[in-house]
Amino acid sequence: MNRLKYKNVLFIGDPILKIMGLACGAKVIEVHPDTCETPPDIEKILADTGVVVIDERVYDRCGKLKNLLDSLEESILIVKIPPPDKLIEPKKYYEELIRKAIGLKISL
């Protein structure tokens, strides 16, 4: 009997984590920690997910989403994304972030 199941990796978080997820070829849901708005089909999306990578701020501040994730058997990785320590130029910042994440320079 084959017990292997193919499921998706899902990134949940702010635009920075969303870009990282897209760079990895994963499914992504953008959720801001201040609004906690999730798509109406979140439970269906999670049913096809094997690993969830979520921003720590979203996990801590969005109680309904946290409870939903805590009820799953799948692995949940909570990541802390530090805020920039200075004013940044968005284009250069995201190009550098993508370069570090996937090892390729992509011009935006």
Protein backbone atom coordinates (compact mmCIF):
# COMPACT_ATOMS: atom_id res chain seq x y z
CA MET A 1 0.00 0.00 0.00
CA ASN A 2 1.42 3.38 -1.04
CA ARG A 3 1.11 5.95 1.74
CA LEU A 4 2.87 8.76 -0.08
CA LYS A 5 0.78 11.86 -0.63
CA TYR A 6 1.76 14.78 -2.77
CA LYS A 7 0.72 18.04 -1.19
CA ASN A 8 1.59 21.69 -1.68
CA VAL A 9 3.80 24.04 0.28
CA LEU A 10 1.90 27.17 1.27
CA PHE A 11 3.41 30.51 2.31
CA ILE A 12 1.12 32.80 4.35
CA GLY A 13 2.23 36.32 5.20
CA ASP A 14 3.04 39.83 4.13
CA PRO A 15 4.29 40.80 0.66
CA ILE A 16 7.90 39.92 1.56
CA LEU A 17 7.02 36.33 2.48
CA LYS A 18 4.73 36.17 -0.54
CA ILE A 19 7.67 36.99 -2.84
CA MET A 20 9.79 34.33 -1.15
CA GLY A 21 7.04 31.76 -1.65
CA LEU A 22 6.60 32.67 -5.29
CA ALA A 23 10.37 32.44 -5.80
CA CYS A 24 10.23 28.89 -4.39
CA GLY A 25 7.34 27.91 -6.64
CA ALA A 26 4.97 27.48 -3.69
CA LYS A 27 1.37 28.51 -3.30
CA VAL A 28 0.98 31.83 -1.50
CA ILE A 29 -1.66 33.73 0.43
CA GLU A 30 -1.01 37.35 1.30
CA VAL A 31 -2.31 38.13 4.78
CA HIS A 32 -1.51 41.38 6.53
CA PRO A 33 -1.12 41.06 10.33
CA ASP A 34 -3.26 44.17 10.83
CA THR A 35 -6.33 42.97 8.89
CA CYS A 36 -6.05 39.16 9.05
CA GLU A 37 -8.21 38.80 5.92
CA THR A 38 -7.98 35.35 4.35
CA PRO A 39 -9.60 33.98 1.20
CA PRO A 40 -13.03 32.39 1.70
CA ASP A 41 -11.70 29.03 0.47
CA ILE A 42 -8.83 28.87 3.01
CA GLU A 43 -9.94 25.50 4.37
CA LYS A 44 -9.94 23.96 0.87
CA ILE A 45 -6.48 25.41 0.21
CA LEU A 46 -5.18 23.96 3.48
CA ALA A 47 -6.63 20.53 2.65
CA ASP A 48 -4.17 20.30 -0.27
CA THR A 49 -1.24 21.60 1.79
CA GLY A 50 1.49 19.53 3.41
CA VAL A 51 3.70 22.30 4.82
CA VAL A 52 2.70 25.81 5.87
CA VAL A 53 5.28 28.59 6.18
CA ILE A 54 3.74 31.55 8.02
CA ASP A 55 4.93 34.96 9.16
CA GLU A 56 5.23 35.09 12.95
CA ARG A 57 3.26 38.36 13.15
CA VAL A 58 0.37 36.88 11.18
CA TYR A 59 0.38 33.72 13.30
CA ASP A 60 0.42 35.69 16.57
CA ARG A 61 -2.15 38.34 15.60
CA CYS A 62 -4.70 36.38 13.55
CA GLY A 63 -6.46 34.16 16.08
CA LYS A 64 -8.96 32.53 13.70
CA LEU A 65 -6.19 31.56 11.25
CA LYS A 66 -3.95 30.37 14.10
CA ASN A 67 -6.72 28.12 15.45
CA LEU A 68 -7.33 26.71 11.97
CA LEU A 69 -3.61 25.96 11.48
CA ASP A 70 -3.22 24.48 14.96
CA SER A 71 -5.99 21.97 14.17
CA LEU A 72 -4.05 20.57 11.19
CA GLU A 73 -1.71 17.60 11.26
CA GLU A 74 0.58 19.19 8.68
CA SER A 75 3.88 20.85 9.53
CA ILE A 76 3.78 24.56 10.31
CA LEU A 77 6.94 26.63 10.11
CA ILE A 78 6.69 30.01 11.80
CA VAL A 79 9.25 32.47 10.47
CA LYS A 80 10.27 35.83 11.83
CA ILE A 81 10.94 38.44 9.18
CA PRO A 82 12.73 41.40 10.73
CA PRO A 83 11.65 44.83 9.58
CA PRO A 84 14.19 46.78 7.55
CA ASP A 85 16.55 48.69 9.83
CA LYS A 86 16.60 51.73 7.55
CA LEU A 87 14.63 53.30 4.75
CA ILE A 88 14.99 51.18 1.67
CA GLU A 89 14.66 51.55 -2.04
CA PRO A 90 11.96 48.95 -2.79
CA LYS A 91 13.25 47.85 -6.21
CA LYS A 92 16.80 47.21 -4.95
CA TYR A 93 15.50 45.62 -1.76
CA TYR A 94 13.33 43.07 -3.56
CA GLU A 95 16.00 42.31 -6.16
CA GLU A 96 18.47 41.57 -3.34
CA LEU A 97 15.89 39.52 -1.44
CA ILE A 98 15.16 37.40 -4.51
CA ARG A 99 18.89 37.01 -5.22
CA LYS A 100 19.48 35.71 -1.69
CA ALA A 101 16.42 33.44 -1.75
CA ILE A 102 17.02 31.71 -5.09
CA GLY A 103 20.61 32.59 -5.94
CA LEU A 104 19.78 34.42 -9.17
CA LYS A 105 19.79 38.10 -10.01
CA ILE A 106 16.46 39.13 -11.45
CA SER A 107 15.87 42.68 -12.60
CA LEU A 108 12.49 44.08 -11.68
